[in-house]
Amino acid sequence: MAVGPAVYHEQSQITRFPFTLALAMAKDRQRVTPADPPMVTVLLADHHAVVRLGVRRLLEKEPDFRIVGEVGDGLKVISEIERLQPDVLVLGLVMPGLGGLEVLRRVKRR
């Protein structure tokens, strides 16, 4: 299992959490605790429903990830990105409508 970045407790002990993102608040040197991890929104885009289901089940086990939508067609990905504004896009490369690389090109242009 992948191990995420270190998160510091108030007692300055380092703990590791799988798939956890750590926030560095350099200005005021605040520390992120496991009680208040950042919430990362995710859009799943793959033409295989079983792949989307597998990724969803993995991410649902982590408290700091929230799946905001799923798409199985490349043409619908761009409209869902605009509508949902996810932090992360999990994107398959081969999809009906538009392939993943073309989706990335169009998203980058916006």
Foldseek 3Di string as FASTA:
>chain_A
DDWDDWFADPVRDTDIDPPFDFDQDPPVRDGDDPVDGAAFEEEEEALDPVVVVVVVVVQVVDPRYDYPYYYNALVCVVVCCVVVVGRYYHYAQDGHPDGPVVSVVVVVVD
